[in-house]
Amino acid sequence: MLIGAATVVVFPQTVPLILDFLFETFKNILGTTSPQPGLSLARALLRQNLLASLYDLVFGAVFGILPVFSIFGNFFIIGFLGGISLFPHLLPEPSNLSFGVYLLAILPHGIFEIPALLLAAAFGLRLGWQWLLPSSRGRRKQVFKQGLLDNAKILVLILVLLIIAAAVESFVTSRLV
């Protein structure tokens, strides 16, 4: 988060570029879905976050690399947006953005979404490293299978958290901001 916030201050010329990238990414996530509060927005948000979580859980098997980048990227964005809220004069266009608005945009759904993403990354990272540990010698295949089973079990909790987060983001956060 600190790196994202520092980017705003140290490299203010990147603010419009990163914002454009984030807006394009969000448009791609939504596709033809309206950004207006509602069930279709909640479904689109759930689909994206669930897919990201599944990638972390499954592709964490490759030495846990994807979960690390996933968490770095998510927290960079949170910090970057927080930095902009503290220094709105760095935005390309005048804005009434404040730190209070930023908190209203992040906290209501973030208290569910961030733990879900952290769980997915943690279990993905665990899957990627646990079977490689010296203590797993001679039973790596068994340890890997158990890791996959554990990831499948935690997916239920992640799904519940992401459903709540998507509903809150679509129906509550969007109205607050």
N, C-alpha and C. Protein backbone atom coordinates (compact mmCIF):
# COMPACT_ATOMS: atom_id res chain seq x y z
N MET A 1 0.84 -1.18 0.00
CA MET A 1 0.00 0.00 0.00
C MET A 1 0.88 1.24 0.00
N LEU A 2 1.96 1.17 0.77
CA LEU A 2 2.86 2.32 0.84
C LEU A 2 3.50 2.60 -0.51
N ILE A 3 3.84 1.56 -1.26
CA ILE A 3 4.43 1.76 -2.58
C ILE A 3 3.42 2.43 -3.50
N GLY A 4 2.16 2.01 -3.44
CA GLY A 4 1.12 2.64 -4.26
C GLY A 4 0.93 4.10 -3.91
N ALA A 5 0.87 4.40 -2.61
CA ALA A 5 0.70 5.79 -2.18
C ALA A 5 1.93 6.62 -2.52
N ALA A 6 3.12 6.04 -2.34
CA ALA A 6 4.35 6.75 -2.66
C ALA A 6 4.47 7.04 -4.15
N THR A 7 3.94 6.14 -4.97
CA THR A 7 3.98 6.35 -6.41
C THR A 7 3.27 7.65 -6.79
N VAL A 8 2.16 7.92 -6.11
CA VAL A 8 1.40 9.15 -6.37
C VAL A 8 2.26 10.37 -6.08
N VAL A 9 2.98 10.33 -4.98
CA VAL A 9 3.76 11.49 -4.55
C VAL A 9 5.08 11.61 -5.31
N VAL A 10 5.79 10.50 -5.46
CA VAL A 10 7.12 10.52 -6.07
C VAL A 10 7.06 10.60 -7.59
N PHE A 11 6.07 9.97 -8.18
CA PHE A 11 5.93 9.97 -9.64
C PHE A 11 4.55 10.47 -10.05
N PRO A 12 4.22 11.72 -9.76
CA PRO A 12 2.88 12.22 -10.05
C PRO A 12 2.52 12.15 -11.54
N GLN A 13 3.51 12.12 -12.40
CA GLN A 13 3.24 12.03 -13.83
C GLN A 13 2.62 10.69 -14.21
N THR A 14 2.73 9.68 -13.34
CA THR A 14 2.15 8.38 -13.64
C THR A 14 0.67 8.29 -13.26
N VAL A 15 0.19 9.26 -12.49
CA VAL A 15 -1.20 9.20 -12.01
C VAL A 15 -2.19 9.05 -13.16
N PRO A 16 -2.16 9.91 -14.20
CA PRO A 16 -3.14 9.73 -15.28
C PRO A 16 -2.99 8.39 -16.00
N LEU A 17 -1.76 7.94 -16.16
CA LEU A 17 -1.53 6.66 -16.86
C LEU A 17 -2.10 5.49 -16.07
N ILE A 18 -1.82 5.47 -14.78
CA ILE A 18 -2.31 4.37 -13.95
C ILE A 18 -3.83 4.43 -13.83
N LEU A 19 -4.39 5.64 -13.69
CA LEU A 19 -5.85 5.77 -13.62
C LEU A 19 -6.50 5.29 -14.91
N ASP A 20 -5.94 5.65 -16.06
CA ASP A 20 -6.47 5.17 -17.34
C ASP A 20 -6.44 3.64 -17.39
N PHE A 21 -5.32 3.06 -16.95
CA PHE A 21 -5.20 1.61 -16.92
C PHE A 21 -6.28 0.99 -16.02
N LEU A 22 -6.48 1.58 -14.83
CA LEU A 22 -7.48 1.05 -13.90
C LEU A 22 -8.90 1.17 -14.47
N PHE A 23 -9.21 2.31 -15.10
CA PHE A 23 -10.54 2.48 -15.69
C PHE A 23 -10.76 1.49 -16.82
N GLU A 24 -9.75 1.28 -17.66
CA GLU A 24 -9.87 0.31 -18.75
C GLU A 24 -10.05 -1.11 -18.21
N THR A 25 -9.28 -1.42 -17.18
CA THR A 25 -9.39 -2.75 -16.56
C THR A 25 -10.79 -2.95 -15.99
N PHE A 26 -11.30 -1.94 -15.31
CA PHE A 26 -12.63 -2.04 -14.73
C PHE A 26 -13.69 -2.18 -15.83
N LYS A 27 -13.52 -1.45 -16.92
CA LYS A 27 -14.46 -1.58 -18.05
C LYS A 27 -14.40 -2.99 -18.63
N ASN A 28 -13.21 -3.56 -18.73
CA ASN A 28 -13.07 -4.93 -19.24
C ASN A 28 -13.70 -5.95 -18.30
N ILE A 29 -13.57 -5.71 -17.01
CA ILE A 29 -14.17 -6.61 -16.02
C ILE A 29 -15.69 -6.59 -16.16
N LEU A 30 -16.24 -5.39 -16.30
CA LEU A 30 -17.69 -5.26 -16.39
C LEU A 30 -18.22 -5.72 -17.74
N GLY A 31 -17.42 -5.57 -18.80
CA GLY A 31 -17.89 -5.93 -20.13
C GLY A 31 -19.11 -5.10 -20.48
N THR A 32 -20.21 -5.77 -20.80
CA THR A 32 -21.43 -5.07 -21.16
C THR A 32 -22.31 -4.77 -19.95
N THR A 33 -21.85 -5.19 -18.76
CA THR A 33 -22.62 -4.97 -17.54
C THR A 33 -22.63 -3.49 -17.18
N SER A 34 -23.78 -3.00 -16.81
CA SER A 34 -23.90 -1.60 -16.40
C SER A 34 -23.20 -1.39 -15.06
N PRO A 35 -22.50 -0.25 -14.92
CA PRO A 35 -21.85 0.03 -13.63
C PRO A 35 -22.84 0.53 -12.57
N GLN A 36 -24.11 0.57 -12.92
CA GLN A 36 -25.13 1.01 -11.98
C GLN A 36 -25.37 -0.07 -10.92
N PRO A 37 -25.69 0.36 -9.69
CA PRO A 37 -25.94 -0.63 -8.63
C PRO A 37 -27.03 -1.61 -9.05
N GLY A 38 -26.80 -2.87 -8.75
CA GLY A 38 -27.80 -3.88 -9.06
C GLY A 38 -27.21 -5.27 -9.08
N LEU A 39 -28.07 -6.23 -9.33
CA LEU A 39 -27.67 -7.63 -9.32
C LEU A 39 -26.65 -7.95 -10.40
N SER A 40 -26.79 -7.37 -11.58
CA SER A 40 -25.84 -7.68 -12.65
C SER A 40 -24.44 -7.16 -12.31
N LEU A 41 -24.35 -6.01 -11.67
CA LEU A 41 -23.05 -5.50 -11.23
C LEU A 41 -22.46 -6.42 -10.16
N ALA A 42 -23.29 -6.83 -9.21
CA ALA A 42 -22.83 -7.74 -8.16
C ALA A 42 -22.30 -9.04 -8.76
N ARG A 43 -23.01 -9.59 -9.75
CA ARG A 43 -22.57 -10.82 -10.40
C ARG A 43 -21.23 -10.62 -11.10
N ALA A 44 -21.07 -9.49 -11.80
CA ALA A 44 -19.81 -9.22 -12.50
C ALA A 44 -18.65 -9.08 -11.52
N LEU A 45 -18.88 -8.39 -10.41
CA LEU A 45 -17.84 -8.23 -9.40
C LEU A 45 -17.49 -9.56 -8.75
N LEU A 46 -18.52 -10.35 -8.44
CA LEU A 46 -18.30 -11.68 -7.86
C LEU A 46 -17.51 -12.55 -8.83
N ARG A 47 -17.90 -12.56 -10.08
CA ARG A 47 -17.22 -13.38 -11.08
C ARG A 47 -15.73 -13.03 -11.15
N GLN A 48 -15.42 -11.73 -11.20
CA GLN A 48 -14.03 -11.29 -11.30
C GLN A 48 -13.23 -11.68 -10.06
N ASN A 49 -13.77 -11.41 -8.89
CA ASN A 49 -13.04 -11.70 -7.65
C ASN A 49 -12.92 -13.20 -7.41
N LEU A 50 -13.94 -13.96 -7.78
CA LEU A 50 -13.86 -15.40 -7.63
C LEU A 50 -12.82 -15.98 -8.59
N LEU A 51 -12.80 -15.49 -9.80
CA LEU A 51 -11.81 -15.94 -10.78
C LEU A 51 -10.39 -15.63 -10.29
N ALA A 52 -10.18 -14.42 -9.78
CA ALA A 52 -8.87 -14.05 -9.24
C ALA A 52 -8.49 -14.96 -8.08
N SER A 53 -9.45 -15.27 -7.22
CA SER A 53 -9.18 -16.14 -6.08
C SER A 53 -8.86 -17.56 -6.54
N LEU A 54 -9.58 -18.04 -7.53
CA LEU A 54 -9.31 -19.38 -8.06
C LEU A 54 -7.92 -19.45 -8.68
N TYR A 55 -7.55 -18.41 -9.40
CA TYR A 55 -6.20 -18.37 -9.98
C TYR A 55 -5.15 -18.46 -8.87
N ASP A 56 -5.36 -17.70 -7.80
CA ASP A 56 -4.41 -17.73 -6.69
C ASP A 56 -4.35 -19.12 -6.05
N LEU A 57 -5.51 -19.73 -5.86
CA LEU A 57 -5.57 -21.04 -5.21
C LEU A 57 -4.93 -22.13 -6.06
N VAL A 58 -5.16 -22.09 -7.36
CA VAL A 58 -4.67 -23.16 -8.23
C VAL A 58 -3.25 -22.89 -8.72
N PHE A 59 -3.02 -21.70 -9.24
CA PHE A 59 -1.71 -21.41 -9.82
C PHE A 59 -0.67 -21.03 -8.78
N GLY A 60 -1.08 -21.00 -7.52
CA GLY A 60 -0.10 -20.88 -6.45
C GLY A 60 0.81 -22.09 -6.43
N ALA A 61 0.37 -23.18 -7.08
CA ALA A 61 1.16 -24.40 -7.14
C ALA A 61 2.52 -24.15 -7.81
N VAL A 62 2.60 -23.10 -8.62
CA VAL A 62 3.86 -22.77 -9.29
C VAL A 62 4.67 -21.88 -8.36
N PHE A 63 5.16 -22.48 -7.30
CA PHE A 63 6.02 -21.82 -6.31
C PHE A 63 5.38 -20.61 -5.64
N GLY A 64 4.07 -20.49 -5.73
CA GLY A 64 3.38 -19.40 -5.06
C GLY A 64 3.58 -18.04 -5.69
N ILE A 65 4.03 -18.01 -6.93
CA ILE A 65 4.37 -16.74 -7.58
C ILE A 65 3.13 -15.88 -7.83
N LEU A 66 2.09 -16.46 -8.42
CA LEU A 66 0.90 -15.67 -8.75
C LEU A 66 0.25 -15.03 -7.52
N PRO A 67 0.07 -15.75 -6.42
CA PRO A 67 -0.53 -15.11 -5.24
C PRO A 67 0.27 -13.90 -4.75
N VAL A 68 1.59 -13.98 -4.81
CA VAL A 68 2.41 -12.86 -4.37
C VAL A 68 2.16 -11.63 -5.25
N PHE A 69 2.16 -11.83 -6.57
CA PHE A 69 1.90 -10.72 -7.48
C PHE A 69 0.47 -10.20 -7.35
N SER A 70 -0.46 -11.11 -7.12
CA SER A 70 -1.86 -10.74 -6.96
C SER A 70 -2.05 -9.82 -5.76
N ILE A 71 -1.49 -10.20 -4.63
CA ILE A 71 -1.62 -9.39 -3.42
C ILE A 71 -0.88 -8.07 -3.59
N PHE A 72 0.31 -8.12 -4.17
CA PHE A 72 1.05 -6.88 -4.41
C PHE A 72 0.21 -5.93 -5.27
N GLY A 73 -0.36 -6.44 -6.36
CA GLY A 73 -1.15 -5.61 -7.26
C GLY A 73 -2.37 -5.01 -6.57
N ASN A 74 -3.10 -5.84 -5.83
CA ASN A 74 -4.30 -5.34 -5.15
C ASN A 74 -3.96 -4.27 -4.11
N PHE A 75 -2.93 -4.52 -3.33
CA PHE A 75 -2.58 -3.56 -2.30
C PHE A 75 -1.91 -2.31 -2.88
N PHE A 76 -1.21 -2.47 -4.01
CA PHE A 76 -0.67 -1.30 -4.69
C PHE A 76 -1.81 -0.38 -5.11
N ILE A 77 -2.85 -0.96 -5.69
CA ILE A 77 -4.01 -0.17 -6.14
C ILE A 77 -4.70 0.51 -4.96
N ILE A 78 -4.89 -0.21 -3.86
CA ILE A 78 -5.51 0.39 -2.68
C ILE A 78 -4.67 1.57 -2.19
N GLY A 79 -3.37 1.39 -2.13
CA GLY A 79 -2.48 2.47 -1.70
C GLY A 79 -2.45 3.62 -2.68
N PHE A 80 -2.43 3.30 -3.97
CA PHE A 80 -2.43 4.31 -5.02
C PHE A 80 -3.68 5.19 -4.92
N LEU A 81 -4.83 4.55 -4.80
CA LEU A 81 -6.08 5.31 -4.70
C LEU A 81 -6.14 6.11 -3.40
N GLY A 82 -5.58 5.53 -2.33
CA GLY A 82 -5.48 6.27 -1.07
C GLY A 82 -4.59 7.49 -1.22
N GLY A 83 -3.48 7.33 -1.93
CA GLY A 83 -2.58 8.45 -2.19
C GLY A 83 -3.26 9.55 -2.97
N ILE A 84 -4.04 9.16 -3.97
CA ILE A 84 -4.77 10.16 -4.76
C ILE A 84 -5.78 10.89 -3.88
N SER A 85 -6.41 10.15 -2.96
CA SER A 85 -7.41 10.79 -2.10
C SER A 85 -6.75 11.81 -1.16
N LEU A 86 -5.50 11.57 -0.83
CA LEU A 86 -4.77 12.52 0.03
C LEU A 86 -4.21 13.70 -0.77
N PHE A 87 -3.98 13.50 -2.05
CA PHE A 87 -3.42 14.54 -2.92
C PHE A 87 -4.25 14.67 -4.19
N PRO A 88 -5.53 15.04 -4.06
CA PRO A 88 -6.41 15.09 -5.25
C PRO A 88 -5.97 16.13 -6.28
N HIS A 89 -5.15 17.09 -5.88
CA HIS A 89 -4.68 18.09 -6.84
C HIS A 89 -3.78 17.46 -7.90
N LEU A 90 -3.33 16.23 -7.69
CA LEU A 90 -2.49 15.54 -8.68
C LEU A 90 -3.32 14.86 -9.77
N LEU A 91 -4.64 14.86 -9.60
CA LEU A 91 -5.51 14.27 -10.61
C LEU A 91 -5.50 15.13 -11.87
N PRO A 92 -5.67 14.50 -13.05
CA PRO A 92 -5.66 15.26 -14.30
C PRO A 92 -6.80 16.28 -14.40
N GLU A 93 -7.91 15.99 -13.74
CA GLU A 93 -9.06 16.90 -13.76
C GLU A 93 -9.43 17.23 -12.31
N PRO A 94 -9.99 18.41 -12.08
CA PRO A 94 -10.40 18.76 -10.71
C PRO A 94 -11.38 17.72 -10.16
N SER A 95 -11.25 17.44 -8.87
CA SER A 95 -12.08 16.42 -8.25
C SER A 95 -12.40 16.80 -6.81
N ASN A 96 -13.55 16.33 -6.35
CA ASN A 96 -13.95 16.51 -4.95
C ASN A 96 -13.55 15.31 -4.10
N LEU A 97 -12.68 14.48 -4.65
CA LEU A 97 -12.25 13.28 -3.93
C LEU A 97 -11.58 13.67 -2.62
N SER A 98 -11.92 12.95 -1.57
CA SER A 98 -11.31 13.17 -0.27
C SER A 98 -10.97 11.82 0.34
N PHE A 99 -10.23 11.84 1.42
CA PHE A 99 -9.88 10.60 2.09
C PHE A 99 -11.14 9.94 2.67
N GLY A 100 -12.10 10.73 3.09
CA GLY A 100 -13.37 10.19 3.59
C GLY A 100 -14.12 9.44 2.51
N VAL A 101 -14.17 10.00 1.30
CA VAL A 101 -14.83 9.33 0.18
C VAL A 101 -14.08 8.04 -0.16
N TYR A 102 -12.77 8.10 -0.13
CA TYR A 102 -11.94 6.92 -0.39
C TYR A 102 -12.29 5.80 0.61
N LEU A 103 -12.37 6.16 1.89
CA LEU A 103 -12.71 5.16 2.90
C LEU A 103 -14.11 4.59 2.67
N LEU A 104 -15.06 5.44 2.29
CA LEU A 104 -16.41 4.95 2.00
C LEU A 104 -16.41 4.02 0.78
N ALA A 105 -15.49 4.25 -0.13
CA ALA A 105 -15.41 3.43 -1.34
C ALA A 105 -14.73 2.08 -1.08
N ILE A 106 -13.89 2.02 -0.06
CA ILE A 106 -13.10 0.81 0.20
C ILE A 106 -13.65 -0.04 1.36
N LEU A 107 -13.94 0.60 2.47
CA LEU A 107 -14.23 -0.14 3.70
C LEU A 107 -15.47 -1.03 3.67
N PRO A 108 -16.63 -0.54 3.23
CA PRO A 108 -17.83 -1.39 3.37
C PRO A 108 -17.68 -2.77 2.73
N HIS A 109 -17.19 -2.84 1.51
CA HIS A 109 -17.04 -4.16 0.88
C HIS A 109 -15.66 -4.75 1.14
N GLY A 110 -14.67 -3.88 1.42
CA GLY A 110 -13.31 -4.34 1.64
C GLY A 110 -13.14 -5.22 2.87
N ILE A 111 -14.01 -5.01 3.87
CA ILE A 111 -13.88 -5.85 5.08
C ILE A 111 -14.22 -7.32 4.79
N PHE A 112 -14.87 -7.56 3.67
CA PHE A 112 -15.17 -8.93 3.25
C PHE A 112 -14.23 -9.37 2.12
N GLU A 113 -14.01 -8.48 1.16
CA GLU A 113 -13.24 -8.83 -0.03
C GLU A 113 -11.75 -9.01 0.27
N ILE A 114 -11.17 -8.13 1.06
CA ILE A 114 -9.74 -8.21 1.33
C ILE A 114 -9.39 -9.50 2.08
N PRO A 115 -10.12 -9.88 3.14
CA PRO A 115 -9.81 -11.17 3.77
C PRO A 115 -9.96 -12.36 2.81
N ALA A 116 -10.96 -12.30 1.93
CA ALA A 116 -11.15 -13.39 0.96
C ALA A 116 -9.94 -13.49 0.03
N LEU A 117 -9.48 -12.36 -0.47
CA LEU A 117 -8.34 -12.36 -1.37
C LEU A 117 -7.06 -12.78 -0.65
N LEU A 118 -6.92 -12.35 0.61
CA LEU A 118 -5.75 -12.75 1.39
C LEU A 118 -5.77 -14.26 1.68
N LEU A 119 -6.94 -14.80 1.98
CA LEU A 119 -7.05 -16.25 2.20
C LEU A 119 -6.67 -17.02 0.94
N ALA A 120 -7.20 -16.59 -0.20
CA ALA A 120 -6.89 -17.27 -1.46
C ALA A 120 -5.40 -17.21 -1.74
N ALA A 121 -4.80 -16.05 -1.54
CA ALA A 121 -3.37 -15.92 -1.79
C ALA A 121 -2.56 -16.75 -0.80
N ALA A 122 -2.95 -16.74 0.46
CA ALA A 122 -2.22 -17.49 1.48
C ALA A 122 -2.27 -18.99 1.19
N PHE A 123 -3.45 -19.50 0.86
CA PHE A 123 -3.56 -20.93 0.58
C PHE A 123 -2.88 -21.28 -0.74
N GLY A 124 -2.91 -20.37 -1.71
CA GLY A 124 -2.20 -20.60 -2.96
C GLY A 124 -0.70 -20.62 -2.74
N LEU A 125 -0.21 -19.69 -1.94
CA LEU A 125 1.21 -19.63 -1.61
C LEU A 125 1.63 -20.90 -0.85
N ARG A 126 0.79 -21.30 0.07
CA ARG A 126 1.06 -22.52 0.84
C ARG A 126 1.13 -23.74 -0.09
N LEU A 127 0.21 -23.80 -1.05
CA LEU A 127 0.21 -24.91 -2.01
C LEU A 127 1.51 -24.93 -2.80
N GLY A 128 1.99 -23.75 -3.16
CA GLY A 128 3.19 -23.66 -3.97
C GLY A 128 4.47 -24.00 -3.24
N TRP A 129 4.47 -23.89 -1.93
CA TRP A 129 5.71 -24.12 -1.18
C TRP A 129 5.69 -25.37 -0.32
N GLN A 130 4.54 -25.73 0.18
CA GLN A 130 4.48 -26.82 1.15
C GLN A 130 5.03 -28.13 0.59
N TRP A 131 4.70 -28.45 -0.63
CA TRP A 131 5.15 -29.72 -1.18
C TRP A 131 6.63 -29.71 -1.53
N LEU A 132 7.25 -28.52 -1.56
CA LEU A 132 8.66 -28.41 -1.87
C LEU A 132 9.56 -28.45 -0.63
N LEU A 133 8.96 -28.31 0.53
CA LEU A 133 9.74 -28.27 1.76
C LEU A 133 10.48 -29.59 1.99
N PRO A 134 11.66 -29.52 2.61
CA PRO A 134 12.39 -30.77 2.90
C PRO A 134 11.58 -31.76 3.73
N SER A 135 10.70 -31.24 4.58
CA SER A 135 9.87 -32.14 5.41
C SER A 135 8.87 -32.95 4.58
N SER A 136 8.65 -32.55 3.33
CA SER A 136 7.72 -33.27 2.45
C SER A 136 8.41 -34.33 1.61
N ARG A 137 9.73 -34.45 1.76
CA ARG A 137 10.49 -35.42 0.96
C ARG A 137 9.91 -36.82 1.14
N GLY A 138 9.75 -37.48 0.02
CA GLY A 138 9.22 -38.85 0.05
C GLY A 138 7.70 -38.93 0.01
N ARG A 139 7.04 -37.80 0.20
CA ARG A 139 5.57 -37.80 0.17
C ARG A 139 5.03 -36.51 -0.48
N ARG A 140 5.81 -35.99 -1.41
CA ARG A 140 5.44 -34.73 -2.06
C ARG A 140 4.08 -34.79 -2.76
N LYS A 141 3.85 -35.89 -3.46
CA LYS A 141 2.57 -36.03 -4.17
C LYS A 141 1.41 -36.01 -3.18
N GLN A 142 1.55 -36.69 -2.07
CA GLN A 142 0.51 -36.72 -1.03
C GLN A 142 0.31 -35.32 -0.44
N VAL A 143 1.39 -34.64 -0.15
CA VAL A 143 1.32 -33.29 0.42
C VAL A 143 0.66 -32.33 -0.57
N PHE A 144 1.01 -32.47 -1.84
CA PHE A 144 0.41 -31.61 -2.88
C PHE A 144 -1.09 -31.87 -2.99
N LYS A 145 -1.49 -33.13 -3.00
CA LYS A 145 -2.92 -33.47 -3.07
C LYS A 145 -3.67 -32.93 -1.86
N GLN A 146 -3.06 -33.05 -0.68
CA GLN A 146 -3.70 -32.53 0.53
C GLN A 146 -3.84 -31.01 0.44
N GLY A 147 -2.83 -30.35 -0.12
CA GLY A 147 -2.90 -28.90 -0.31
C GLY A 147 -4.04 -28.51 -1.24
N LEU A 148 -4.21 -29.26 -2.32
CA LEU A 148 -5.32 -29.00 -3.23
C LEU A 148 -6.67 -29.20 -2.53
N LEU A 149 -6.76 -30.25 -1.72
CA LEU A 149 -7.98 -30.51 -0.97
C LEU A 149 -8.26 -29.38 0.02
N ASP A 150 -7.23 -28.92 0.71
CA ASP A 150 -7.38 -27.80 1.64
C ASP A 150 -7.85 -26.54 0.90
N ASN A 151 -7.29 -26.31 -0.29
CA ASN A 151 -7.70 -25.16 -1.09
C ASN A 151 -9.16 -25.26 -1.51
N ALA A 152 -9.60 -26.47 -1.85
CA ALA A 152 -11.00 -26.66 -2.22
C ALA A 152 -11.91 -26.38 -1.02
N LYS A 153 -11.47 -26.78 0.17
CA LYS A 153 -12.27 -26.55 1.37
C LYS A 153 -12.38 -25.06 1.70
N ILE A 154 -11.27 -24.34 1.60
CA ILE A 154 -11.28 -22.91 1.96
C ILE A 154 -12.04 -22.11 0.91
N LEU A 155 -12.20 -22.68 -0.27
CA LEU A 155 -12.93 -21.99 -1.34
C LEU A 155 -14.37 -21.67 -0.91
N VAL A 156 -14.96 -22.51 -0.10
CA VAL A 156 -16.33 -22.27 0.38
C VAL A 156 -16.39 -20.97 1.17
N LEU A 157 -15.46 -20.80 2.10
CA LEU A 157 -15.41 -19.56 2.89
C LEU A 157 -15.11 -18.36 2.01
N ILE A 158 -14.18 -18.52 1.08
CA ILE A 158 -13.84 -17.43 0.16
C ILE A 158 -15.07 -17.04 -0.65
N LEU A 159 -15.81 -18.01 -1.14
CA LEU A 159 -17.01 -17.73 -1.93
C LEU A 159 -18.04 -16.96 -1.11
N VAL A 160 -18.27 -17.37 0.13
CA VAL A 160 -19.23 -16.67 0.98
C VAL A 160 -18.79 -15.22 1.19
N LEU A 161 -17.52 -15.02 1.50
CA LEU A 161 -17.01 -13.65 1.69
C LEU A 161 -17.14 -12.82 0.42
N LEU A 162 -16.86 -13.42 -0.72
CA LEU A 162 -16.93 -12.68 -1.98
C LEU A 162 -18.37 -12.37 -2.40
N ILE A 163 -19.30 -13.26 -2.07
CA ILE A 163 -20.72 -12.97 -2.34
C ILE A 163 -21.16 -11.77 -1.53
N ILE A 164 -20.81 -11.76 -0.26
CA ILE A 164 -21.17 -10.62 0.61
C ILE A 164 -20.49 -9.35 0.09
N ALA A 165 -19.19 -9.45 -0.25
CA ALA A 165 -18.46 -8.27 -0.74
C ALA A 165 -19.08 -7.72 -2.02
N ALA A 166 -19.44 -8.60 -2.94
CA ALA A 166 -20.03 -8.15 -4.21
C ALA A 166 -21.38 -7.48 -3.97
N ALA A 167 -22.18 -8.05 -3.09
CA ALA A 167 -23.48 -7.44 -2.78
C ALA A 167 -23.30 -6.07 -2.13
N VAL A 168 -22.39 -6.00 -1.17
CA VAL A 168 -22.14 -4.73 -0.48
C VAL A 168 -21.58 -3.69 -1.46
N GLU A 169 -20.62 -4.13 -2.30
CA GLU A 169 -20.02 -3.18 -3.26
C GLU A 169 -21.06 -2.67 -4.25
N SER A 170 -21.92 -3.55 -4.71
CA SER A 170 -22.91 -3.14 -5.71
C SER A 170 -24.04 -2.32 -5.10
N PHE A 171 -24.56 -2.76 -3.96
CA PHE A 171 -25.76 -2.13 -3.42
C PHE A 171 -25.49 -1.07 -2.35
N VAL A 172 -24.36 -1.14 -1.66
CA VAL A 172 -24.08 -0.21 -0.58
C VAL A 172 -23.00 0.80 -0.96
N THR A 173 -21.81 0.28 -1.29
CA THR A 173 -20.68 1.14 -1.61
C THR A 173 -21.01 2.10 -2.74
N SER A 174 -21.61 1.57 -3.80
CA SER A 174 -21.90 2.43 -4.96
C SER A 174 -22.87 3.56 -4.60
N ARG A 175 -23.74 3.34 -3.64
CA ARG A 175 -24.67 4.39 -3.22
C ARG A 175 -24.00 5.38 -2.26
N LEU A 176 -23.08 4.89 -1.44
CA LEU A 176 -22.37 5.76 -0.51
C LEU A 176 -21.46 6.75 -1.23
N VAL A 177 -20.82 6.25 -2.28
CA VAL A 177 -19.87 7.09 -2.99
C VAL A 177 -20.60 7.92 -4.02
